[in-house]
Amino acid sequence: MNIITPVFRIFDVTKAKEFYIDWLGFSQDWEHRFGENFPLYMSVSKEAITIHLSEHHGDACPGSKIMINYPNLQEYCNLLNAKDYRYFKPSIYEAHWGSYIMEVTDPFGNKIMFSEPKTT
């Protein structure tokens, strides 16, 4: 089985944890620093989704985008909106290719497109 783990560039650990853990509901798997006063590299996951977050210059370009197939998207959207996150109020739209889409943008410009195929 091939597993792809995207890496997103972050600039503020507190803001990253507020977004990914407190709001999106990911869990922190682990974090690593080479020593005192070094950048953070950490893993967060939710169900079968894993994303690495890095403060290391050169690890990734800010403003990247990933798409995640996600069932029960309306339920997840409702849950996120109920948390009343100050910086984002997601909604769902129907894409022209026949999927429902919810896009969120983290505090560093990285985008996550959650997609659920439209059932007929």
Protein backbone atom coordinates (compact mmCIF):
# COMPACT_ATOMS: atom_id res chain seq x y z
CA MET A 1 0.00 0.00 0.00
CA ASN A 2 1.32 3.43 -0.91
CA ILE A 3 0.82 6.18 1.63
CA ILE A 4 1.28 9.85 0.78
CA THR A 5 1.93 12.31 3.59
CA PRO A 6 1.81 15.97 2.62
CA VAL A 7 4.06 18.50 4.37
CA PHE A 8 2.78 22.01 5.03
CA ARG A 9 5.02 24.93 5.99
CA ILE A 10 3.98 26.68 9.21
CA PHE A 11 5.33 29.80 10.93
CA ASP A 12 3.66 29.73 14.36
CA VAL A 13 3.25 26.54 16.40
CA THR A 14 0.47 27.95 18.59
CA LYS A 15 -1.60 29.04 15.56
CA ALA A 16 -0.95 25.69 13.83
CA LYS A 17 -2.17 23.72 16.86
CA GLU A 18 -5.20 25.98 17.25
CA PHE A 19 -6.16 25.34 13.61
CA TYR A 20 -5.30 21.65 13.12
CA ILE A 21 -5.92 20.24 16.61
CA ASP A 22 -8.42 22.52 18.33
CA TRP A 23 -10.54 23.37 15.28
CA LEU A 24 -10.17 20.62 12.63
CA GLY A 25 -10.00 17.90 15.29
CA PHE A 26 -6.66 16.34 14.34
CA SER A 27 -4.51 14.70 17.01
CA GLN A 28 -0.82 15.43 17.45
CA ASP A 29 1.08 12.21 16.78
CA TRP A 30 4.58 13.43 17.58
CA GLU A 31 6.87 16.42 17.31
CA HIS A 32 10.60 16.78 16.76
CA ARG A 33 13.22 19.49 17.20
CA PHE A 34 16.94 18.97 16.67
CA GLY A 35 17.61 20.91 19.87
CA GLU A 36 16.80 24.04 21.83
CA ASN A 37 15.75 26.96 19.64
CA PHE A 38 15.34 24.82 16.50
CA PRO A 39 12.29 24.70 14.19
CA LEU A 40 9.47 22.27 14.91
CA TYR A 41 8.51 19.33 12.70
CA MET A 42 5.32 17.56 13.78
CA SER A 43 2.74 15.04 12.62
CA VAL A 44 -1.01 15.46 13.02
CA SER A 45 -3.68 12.95 12.03
CA LYS A 46 -7.42 12.43 11.88
CA GLU A 47 -8.78 9.01 11.01
CA ALA A 48 -6.72 7.85 7.97
CA ILE A 49 -5.39 11.37 7.21
CA THR A 50 -1.84 12.34 8.22
CA ILE A 51 -0.27 15.74 7.60
CA HIS A 52 3.22 16.85 8.59
CA LEU A 53 3.71 20.46 9.67
CA SER A 54 7.15 22.03 9.47
CA GLU A 55 8.75 25.28 10.56
CA HIS A 56 11.91 24.32 8.63
CA HIS A 57 12.78 26.75 5.85
CA GLY A 58 12.77 24.88 2.56
CA ASP A 59 10.59 21.95 3.64
CA ALA A 60 7.53 23.20 1.75
CA CYS A 61 6.11 26.27 0.05
CA PRO A 62 3.46 28.21 1.94
CA GLY A 63 0.19 28.23 0.04
CA SER A 64 0.16 24.55 -0.93
CA LYS A 65 -3.12 22.70 -1.46
CA ILE A 66 -4.23 19.12 -0.93
CA MET A 67 -7.51 17.32 -1.62
CA ILE A 68 -8.86 14.74 0.82
CA ASN A 69 -11.77 12.43 0.07
CA TYR A 70 -13.97 12.69 3.14
CA PRO A 71 -17.32 10.96 3.81
CA ASN A 72 -20.14 12.70 5.71
CA LEU A 73 -18.81 16.09 4.69
CA GLN A 74 -21.95 18.01 5.73
CA GLU A 75 -21.70 16.54 9.24
CA TYR A 76 -18.03 17.59 9.50
CA CYS A 77 -18.85 21.08 8.16
CA ASN A 78 -21.60 21.45 10.78
CA LEU A 79 -19.20 20.35 13.52
CA LEU A 80 -16.57 22.89 12.44
CA ASN A 81 -19.11 25.72 12.27
CA ALA A 82 -20.45 24.81 15.72
CA LYS A 83 -16.95 25.41 17.12
CA ASP A 84 -17.26 29.03 15.91
CA TYR A 85 -13.59 29.34 14.93
CA ARG A 86 -12.85 33.04 14.68
CA TYR A 87 -10.87 32.90 11.42
CA PHE A 88 -12.92 30.60 9.19
CA LYS A 89 -16.56 29.68 8.61
CA PRO A 90 -16.59 26.82 6.07
CA SER A 91 -19.38 26.00 3.66
CA ILE A 92 -19.96 23.29 1.08
CA TYR A 93 -20.45 23.78 -2.64
CA GLU A 94 -21.07 21.38 -5.50
CA ALA A 95 -18.17 21.12 -7.95
CA HIS A 96 -18.87 20.82 -11.65
CA TRP A 97 -17.31 17.33 -11.69
CA GLY A 98 -19.99 15.99 -9.32
CA SER A 99 -18.49 16.17 -5.84
CA TYR A 100 -19.33 18.21 -2.78
CA ILE A 101 -16.41 20.38 -1.69
CA MET A 102 -15.45 22.15 1.53
CA GLU A 103 -12.23 24.17 1.46
CA VAL A 104 -10.39 25.53 4.48
CA THR A 105 -7.23 27.63 4.61
CA ASP A 106 -4.79 27.45 7.51
CA PRO A 107 -3.16 30.56 9.05
CA PHE A 108 -0.17 30.14 6.69
CA GLY A 109 -2.08 30.04 3.39
CA ASN A 110 -2.14 26.25 2.99
CA LYS A 111 -5.44 24.91 1.68
CA ILE A 112 -7.25 21.67 2.37
CA MET A 113 -10.05 20.71 -0.01
CA PHE A 114 -12.32 18.09 1.54
CA SER A 115 -14.28 16.24 -1.16
CA GLU A 116 -17.23 13.87 -1.02
CA PRO A 117 -18.51 12.25 -4.23
CA LYS A 118 -22.11 13.06 -5.01
CA THR A 119 -24.27 9.95 -4.76
CA THR A 120 -26.98 9.40 -7.33
